[in-house]
């Protein structure tokens, strides 16, 4: 059983309607995990993912590959 939260983001530079974002979660209780809070946290998560991507692929320097040992 999952809960689907659907929302759209608007941006002043875009004139057309945005495609809806569908967030699927196993957090079923809206009182414990409100939809607005989950949508905000999801956006924050992707900001961090984008930062990690930037570090790992674009700022690594002259062909250096960053890897962990574990």
PDB file of N, CA and C in Angstrom:
ATOM      1  N   UNK A   1       0.851  -1.177   0.000  1.00  0.00           N
ATOM      2  CA  UNK A   1       0.000   0.000   0.000  1.00  0.00           C
ATOM      3  C   UNK A   1       0.893   1.235   0.000  1.00  0.00           C
ATOM      4  N   UNK A   2       0.580   2.175  -0.882  1.00  0.00           N
ATOM      5  CA  UNK A   2       1.341   3.415  -0.972  1.00  0.00           C
ATOM      6  C   UNK A   2       0.387   4.606  -1.019  1.00  0.00           C
ATOM      7  N   UNK A   3       0.939   5.741  -0.774  1.00  0.00           N
ATOM      8  CA  UNK A   3       0.219   7.011  -0.862  1.00  0.00           C
ATOM      9  C   UNK A   3       0.843   7.815  -1.998  1.00  0.00           C
ATOM     10  N   UNK A   4       0.012   8.373  -2.855  1.00  0.00           N
ATOM     11  CA  UNK A   4       0.494   9.181  -3.976  1.00  0.00           C
ATOM     12  C   UNK A   4       0.144  10.637  -3.700  1.00  0.00           C
ATOM     13  N   UNK A   5       1.165  11.482  -3.731  1.00  0.00           N
ATOM     14  CA  UNK A   5       0.981  12.920  -3.538  1.00  0.00           C
ATOM     15  C   UNK A   5       1.316  13.575  -4.870  1.00  0.00           C
ATOM     16  N   UNK A   6       0.359  14.262  -5.443  1.00  0.00           N
ATOM     17  CA  UNK A   6       0.563  14.905  -6.736  1.00  0.00           C
ATOM     18  C   UNK A   6       0.518  16.415  -6.558  1.00  0.00           C
ATOM     19  N   UNK A   7       1.523  17.099  -7.129  1.00  0.00           N
ATOM     20  CA  UNK A   7       1.570  18.552  -7.031  1.00  0.00           C
ATOM     21  C   UNK A   7       2.300  19.110  -8.238  1.00  0.00           C
ATOM     22  N   UNK A   8       2.190  20.406  -8.440  1.00  0.00           N
ATOM     23  CA  UNK A   8       2.917  21.080  -9.523  1.00  0.00           C
ATOM     24  C   UNK A   8       3.733  22.217  -8.930  1.00  0.00           C
ATOM     25  N   UNK A   9       4.795  22.547  -9.617  1.00  0.00           N
ATOM     26  CA  UNK A   9       5.633  23.679  -9.236  1.00  0.00           C
ATOM     27  C   UNK A   9       5.494  24.745 -10.304  1.00  0.00           C
ATOM     28  N   UNK A  10       5.391  25.968  -9.891  1.00  0.00           N
ATOM     29  CA  UNK A  10       5.331  27.051 -10.874  1.00  0.00           C
ATOM     30  C   UNK A  10       6.615  27.862 -10.780  1.00  0.00           C
ATOM     31  N   UNK A  11       7.030  28.366 -11.911  1.00  0.00           N
ATOM     32  CA  UNK A  11       8.244  29.188 -11.981  1.00  0.00           C
ATOM     33  C   UNK A  11       7.939  30.399 -12.845  1.00  0.00           C
ATOM     34  N   UNK A  12       8.315  31.598 -12.400  1.00  0.00           N
ATOM     35  CA  UNK A  12       7.964  32.808 -13.151  1.00  0.00           C
ATOM     36  C   UNK A  12       8.526  32.863 -14.571  1.00  0.00           C
ATOM     37  N   UNK A  13       9.607  32.138 -14.850  1.00  0.00           N
ATOM     38  CA  UNK A  13      10.207  32.190 -16.183  1.00  0.00           C
ATOM     39  C   UNK A  13       9.499  31.270 -17.176  1.00  0.00           C
ATOM     40  N   UNK A  14       8.605  30.423 -16.702  1.00  0.00           N
ATOM     41  CA  UNK A  14       7.905  29.493 -17.586  1.00  0.00           C
ATOM     42  C   UNK A  14       6.467  29.953 -17.766  1.00  0.00           C
ATOM     43  N   UNK A  15       6.038  29.959 -19.014  1.00  0.00           N
ATOM     44  CA  UNK A  15       4.687  30.430 -19.297  1.00  0.00           C
ATOM     45  C   UNK A  15       3.695  29.284 -19.412  1.00  0.00           C
ATOM     46  N   UNK A  16       4.148  28.103 -19.806  1.00  0.00           N
ATOM     47  CA  UNK A  16       3.256  26.960 -19.934  1.00  0.00           C
ATOM     48  C   UNK A  16       3.080  26.289 -18.580  1.00  0.00           C
ATOM     49  N   UNK A  17       1.989  25.565 -18.447  1.00  0.00           N
ATOM     50  CA  UNK A  17       1.741  24.823 -17.220  1.00  0.00           C
ATOM     51  C   UNK A  17       2.779  23.739 -17.014  1.00  0.00           C
ATOM     52  N   UNK A  18       3.092  23.487 -15.793  1.00  0.00           N
ATOM     53  CA  UNK A  18       4.092  22.484 -15.459  1.00  0.00           C
ATOM     54  C   UNK A  18       3.447  21.099 -15.410  1.00  0.00           C
ATOM     55  N   UNK A  19       4.226  20.094 -15.721  1.00  0.00           N
ATOM     56  CA  UNK A  19       3.759  18.720 -15.578  1.00  0.00           C
ATOM     57  C   UNK A  19       3.674  18.396 -14.092  1.00  0.00           C
ATOM     58  N   UNK A  20       2.690  17.626 -13.704  1.00  0.00           N
ATOM     59  CA  UNK A  20       2.570  17.305 -12.283  1.00  0.00           C
ATOM     60  C   UNK A  20       3.709  16.409 -11.803  1.00  0.00           C
ATOM     61  N   UNK A  21       4.077  16.573 -10.561  1.00  0.00           N
ATOM     62  CA  UNK A  21       5.058  15.717  -9.911  1.00  0.00           C
ATOM     63  C   UNK A  21       4.272  14.748  -9.048  1.00  0.00           C
ATOM     64  N   UNK A  22       4.602  13.485  -9.134  1.00  0.00           N
ATOM     65  CA  UNK A  22       3.933  12.482  -8.311  1.00  0.00           C
ATOM     66  C   UNK A  22       4.949  11.875  -7.359  1.00  0.00           C
ATOM     67  N   UNK A  23       4.714  12.059  -6.101  1.00  0.00           N
ATOM     68  CA  UNK A  23       5.577  11.535  -5.050  1.00  0.00           C
ATOM     69  C   UNK A  23       4.875  10.317  -4.453  1.00  0.00           C
ATOM     70  N   UNK A  24       5.535   9.182  -4.491  1.00  0.00           N
ATOM     71  CA  UNK A  24       4.963   7.941  -3.970  1.00  0.00           C
ATOM     72  C   UNK A  24       5.692   7.601  -2.680  1.00  0.00           C
ATOM     73  N   UNK A  25       4.929   7.361  -1.628  1.00  0.00           N
ATOM     74  CA  UNK A  25       5.516   7.104  -0.323  1.00  0.00           C
ATOM     75  C   UNK A  25       4.756   6.018   0.413  1.00  0.00           C
ATOM     76  N   UNK A  26       5.441   5.382   1.337  1.00  0.00           N
ATOM     77  CA  UNK A  26       4.789   4.411   2.217  1.00  0.00           C
ATOM     78  C   UNK A  26       4.339   5.068   3.511  1.00  0.00           C
ATOM     79  N   UNK A  27       4.578   6.368   3.662  1.00  0.00           N
ATOM     80  CA  UNK A  27       4.094   7.113   4.827  1.00  0.00           C
ATOM     81  C   UNK A  27       2.618   7.421   4.587  1.00  0.00           C
ATOM     82  N   UNK A  28       1.751   6.635   5.157  1.00  0.00           N
ATOM     83  CA  UNK A  28       0.329   6.689   4.826  1.00  0.00           C
ATOM     84  C   UNK A  28      -0.473   7.681   5.655  1.00  0.00           C
ATOM     85  N   UNK A  29      -0.007   8.059   6.821  1.00  0.00           N
ATOM     86  CA  UNK A  29      -0.779   8.916   7.723  1.00  0.00           C
ATOM     87  C   UNK A  29      -0.532  10.389   7.412  1.00  0.00           C
ATOM     88  N   UNK A  30      -1.524  11.103   6.862  1.00  0.00           N
ATOM     89  CA  UNK A  30      -1.341  12.525   6.545  1.00  0.00           C
ATOM     90  C   UNK A  30      -1.084  13.391   7.775  1.00  0.00           C
ATOM     91  N   UNK A  31      -1.536  12.958   8.942  1.00  0.00           N
ATOM     92  CA  UNK A  31      -1.272  13.728  10.162  1.00  0.00           C
ATOM     93  C   UNK A  31       0.198  13.622  10.559  1.00  0.00           C
ATOM     94  N   UNK A  32       0.789  12.468  10.339  1.00  0.00           N
ATOM     95  CA  UNK A  32       2.195  12.259  10.687  1.00  0.00           C
ATOM     96  C   UNK A  32       3.133  12.840   9.627  1.00  0.00           C
ATOM     97  N   UNK A  33       2.728  12.769   8.368  1.00  0.00           N
ATOM     98  CA  UNK A  33       3.562  13.251   7.264  1.00  0.00           C
ATOM     99  C   UNK A  33       2.679  14.029   6.294  1.00  0.00           C
ATOM    100  N   UNK A  34       2.470  15.334   6.560  1.00  0.00           N
ATOM    101  CA  UNK A  34       1.613  16.143   5.679  1.00  0.00           C
ATOM    102  C   UNK A  34       2.185  16.240   4.260  1.00  0.00           C
ATOM    103  N   UNK A  35       1.289  16.292   3.286  1.00  0.00           N
ATOM    104  CA  UNK A  35       1.700  16.328   1.881  1.00  0.00           C
ATOM    105  C   UNK A  35       2.613  17.514   1.573  1.00  0.00           C
ATOM    106  N   UNK A  36       2.299  18.691   2.108  1.00  0.00           N
ATOM    107  CA  UNK A  36       3.135  19.866   1.844  1.00  0.00           C
ATOM    108  C   UNK A  36       4.550  19.690   2.394  1.00  0.00           C
ATOM    109  N   UNK A  37       4.642  19.083   3.552  1.00  0.00           N
ATOM    110  CA  UNK A  37       5.953  18.849   4.150  1.00  0.00           C
ATOM    111  C   UNK A  37       6.764  17.846   3.332  1.00  0.00           C
ATOM    112  N   UNK A  38       6.119  16.767   2.897  1.00  0.00           N
ATOM    113  CA  UNK A  38       6.818  15.775   2.074  1.00  0.00           C
ATOM    114  C   UNK A  38       7.267  16.369   0.745  1.00  0.00           C
ATOM    115  N   UNK A  39       6.425  17.192   0.130  1.00  0.00           N
ATOM    116  CA  UNK A  39       6.807  17.828  -1.134  1.00  0.00           C
ATOM    117  C   UNK A  39       8.011  18.743  -0.937  1.00  0.00           C
ATOM    118  N   UNK A  40       8.032  19.500   0.159  1.00  0.00           N
ATOM    119  CA  UNK A  40       9.169  20.392   0.439  1.00  0.00           C
ATOM    120  C   UNK A  40      10.440  19.596   0.697  1.00  0.00           C
ATOM    121  N   UNK A  41      10.338  18.516   1.454  1.00  0.00           N
ATOM    122  CA  UNK A  41      11.503  17.681   1.735  1.00  0.00           C
ATOM    123  C   UNK A  41      12.024  17.007   0.473  1.00  0.00           C
ATOM    124  N   UNK A  42      11.126  16.618  -0.415  1.00  0.00           N
ATOM    125  CA  UNK A  42      11.533  16.001  -1.677  1.00  0.00           C
ATOM    126  C   UNK A  42      12.351  16.995  -2.509  1.00  0.00           C
ATOM    127  N   UNK A  43      11.892  18.250  -2.541  1.00  0.00           N
ATOM    128  CA  UNK A  43      12.656  19.281  -3.255  1.00  0.00           C
ATOM    129  C   UNK A  43      14.037  19.489  -2.663  1.00  0.00           C
ATOM    130  N   UNK A  44      14.122  19.489  -1.336  1.00  0.00           N
ATOM    131  CA  UNK A  44      15.424  19.644  -0.668  1.00  0.00           C
ATOM    132  C   UNK A  44      16.336  18.470  -0.980  1.00  0.00           C
ATOM    133  N   UNK A  45      15.763  17.292  -1.007  1.00  0.00           N
ATOM    134  CA  UNK A  45      16.559  16.106  -1.323  1.00  0.00           C
ATOM    135  C   UNK A  45      17.202  16.238  -2.694  1.00  0.00           C
ATOM    136  N   UNK A  46      16.430  16.713  -3.693  1.00  0.00           N
ATOM    137  CA  UNK A  46      16.979  16.816  -5.034  1.00  0.00           C
ATOM    138  C   UNK A  46      17.974  17.947  -5.169  1.00  0.00           C
ATOM    139  N   UNK A  47      17.889  18.962  -4.324  1.00  0.00           N
ATOM    140  CA  UNK A  47      18.943  19.983  -4.305  1.00  0.00           C
ATOM    141  C   UNK A  47      20.260  19.350  -3.874  1.00  0.00           C
ATOM    142  N   UNK A  48      20.205  18.485  -2.853  1.00  0.00           N
ATOM    143  CA  UNK A  48      21.407  17.803  -2.393  1.00  0.00           C
ATOM    144  C   UNK A  48      21.929  16.835  -3.447  1.00  0.00           C
ATOM    145  N   UNK A  49      21.034  16.085  -4.081  1.00  0.00           N
ATOM    146  CA  UNK A  49      21.461  15.156  -5.137  1.00  0.00           C
ATOM    147  C   UNK A  49      22.158  15.908  -6.271  1.00  0.00           C
ATOM    148  N   UNK A  50      21.639  17.065  -6.635  1.00  0.00           N
ATOM    149  CA  UNK A  50      22.255  17.874  -7.691  1.00  0.00           C
ATOM    150  C   UNK A  50      23.637  18.356  -7.266  1.00  0.00           C
ATOM    151  N   UNK A  51      23.780  18.717  -5.997  1.00  0.00           N
ATOM    152  CA  UNK A  51      25.091  19.154  -5.497  1.00  0.00           C
ATOM    153  C   UNK A  51      26.090  18.005  -5.539  1.00  0.00           C
ATOM    154  N   UNK A  52      25.662  16.799  -5.139  1.00  0.00           N
ATOM    155  CA  UNK A  52      26.555  15.641  -5.202  1.00  0.00           C
ATOM    156  C   UNK A  52      26.961  15.349  -6.638  1.00  0.00           C
ATOM    157  N   UNK A  53      26.023  15.448  -7.575  1.00  0.00           N
ATOM    158  CA  UNK A  53      26.325  15.223  -8.982  1.00  0.00           C
ATOM    159  C   UNK A  53      27.358  16.237  -9.467  1.00  0.00           C
ATOM    160  N   UNK A  54      27.170  17.482  -9.074  1.00  0.00           N
ATOM    161  CA  UNK A  54      28.110  18.539  -9.464  1.00  0.00           C
ATOM    162  C   UNK A  54      29.515  18.210  -8.964  1.00  0.00           C
ATOM    163  N   UNK A  55      29.617  17.797  -7.722  1.00  0.00           N
ATOM    164  CA  UNK A  55      30.926  17.468  -7.156  1.00  0.00           C
ATOM    165  C   UNK A  55      31.552  16.251  -7.824  1.00  0.00           C
ATOM    166  N   UNK A  56      30.763  15.208  -8.026  1.00  0.00           N
ATOM    167  CA  UNK A  56      31.311  13.956  -8.542  1.00  0.00           C
ATOM    168  C   UNK A  56      31.649  13.999 -10.020  1.00  0.00           C
ATOM    169  N   UNK A  57      30.894  14.738 -10.808  1.00  0.00           N
ATOM    170  CA  UNK A  57      31.110  14.658 -12.254  1.00  0.00           C
ATOM    171  C   UNK A  57      31.660  15.916 -12.891  1.00  0.00           C
ATOM    172  N   UNK A  58      31.399  17.071 -12.321  1.00  0.00           N
ATOM    173  CA  UNK A  58      31.786  18.299 -13.004  1.00  0.00           C
ATOM    174  C   UNK A  58      32.959  19.033 -12.363  1.00  0.00           C
ATOM    175  N   UNK A  59      33.215  18.787 -11.095  1.00  0.00           N
ATOM    176  CA  UNK A  59      34.290  19.527 -10.425  1.00  0.00           C
ATOM    177  C   UNK A  59      35.438  18.631  -9.985  1.00  0.00           C
ATOM    178  N   UNK A  60      35.546  17.484 -10.586  1.00  0.00           N
ATOM    179  CA  UNK A  60      36.565  16.547 -10.134  1.00  0.00           C
ATOM    180  C   UNK A  60      37.953  16.849 -10.672  1.00  0.00           C
ATOM    181  N   UNK A  61      38.059  17.718 -11.634  1.00  0.00           N
ATOM    182  CA  UNK A  61      39.375  18.075 -12.142  1.00  0.00           C
ATOM    183  C   UNK A  61      39.776  17.219 -13.326  1.00  0.00           C
ATOM    184  N   UNK A  62      41.044  17.179 -13.586  1.00  0.00           N
ATOM    185  CA  UNK A  62      41.587  16.550 -14.788  1.00  0.00           C
ATOM    186  C   UNK A  62      41.462  15.033 -14.755  1.00  0.00           C
ATOM    187  N   UNK A  63      40.298  14.533 -15.057  1.00  0.00           N
ATOM    188  CA  UNK A  63      40.099  13.101 -15.181  1.00  0.00           C
ATOM    189  C   UNK A  63      40.171  12.306 -13.887  1.00  0.00           C
ATOM    190  N   UNK A  64      40.161  12.967 -12.759  1.00  0.00           N
ATOM    191  CA  UNK A  64      40.209  12.262 -11.480  1.00  0.00           C
ATOM    192  C   UNK A  64      38.824  11.723 -11.146  1.00  0.00           C
ATOM    193  N   UNK A  65      38.789  10.469 -10.760  1.00  0.00           N
ATOM    194  CA  UNK A  65      37.512   9.841 -10.398  1.00  0.00           C
ATOM    195  C   UNK A  65      37.453   9.738  -8.879  1.00  0.00           C
ATOM    196  N   UNK A  66      36.370  10.225  -8.315  1.00  0.00           N
ATOM    197  CA  UNK A  66      36.187  10.149  -6.878  1.00  0.00           C
ATOM    198  C   UNK A  66      35.436   8.865  -6.546  1.00  0.00           C
ATOM    199  N   UNK A  67      36.018   8.046  -5.694  1.00  0.00           N
ATOM    200  CA  UNK A  67      35.372   6.786  -5.311  1.00  0.00           C
ATOM    201  C   UNK A  67      35.581   6.574  -3.811  1.00  0.00           C
ATOM    202  N   UNK A  68      34.641   5.908  -3.210  1.00  0.00           N
ATOM    203  CA  UNK A  68      34.810   5.556  -1.810  1.00  0.00           C
ATOM    204  C   UNK A  68      35.390   4.148  -1.716  1.00  0.00           C
ATOM    205  N   UNK A  69      35.910   3.800  -0.555  1.00  0.00           N
ATOM    206  CA  UNK A  69      36.484   2.460  -0.390  1.00  0.00           C
ATOM    207  C   UNK A  69      35.479   1.464   0.142  1.00  0.00           C
ATOM    208  N   UNK A  70      34.277   1.937   0.496  1.00  0.00           N
ATOM    209  CA  UNK A  70      33.304   0.992   1.053  1.00  0.00           C
ATOM    210  C   UNK A  70      32.097   0.890   0.124  1.00  0.00           C
TER     211      UNK A  70
END
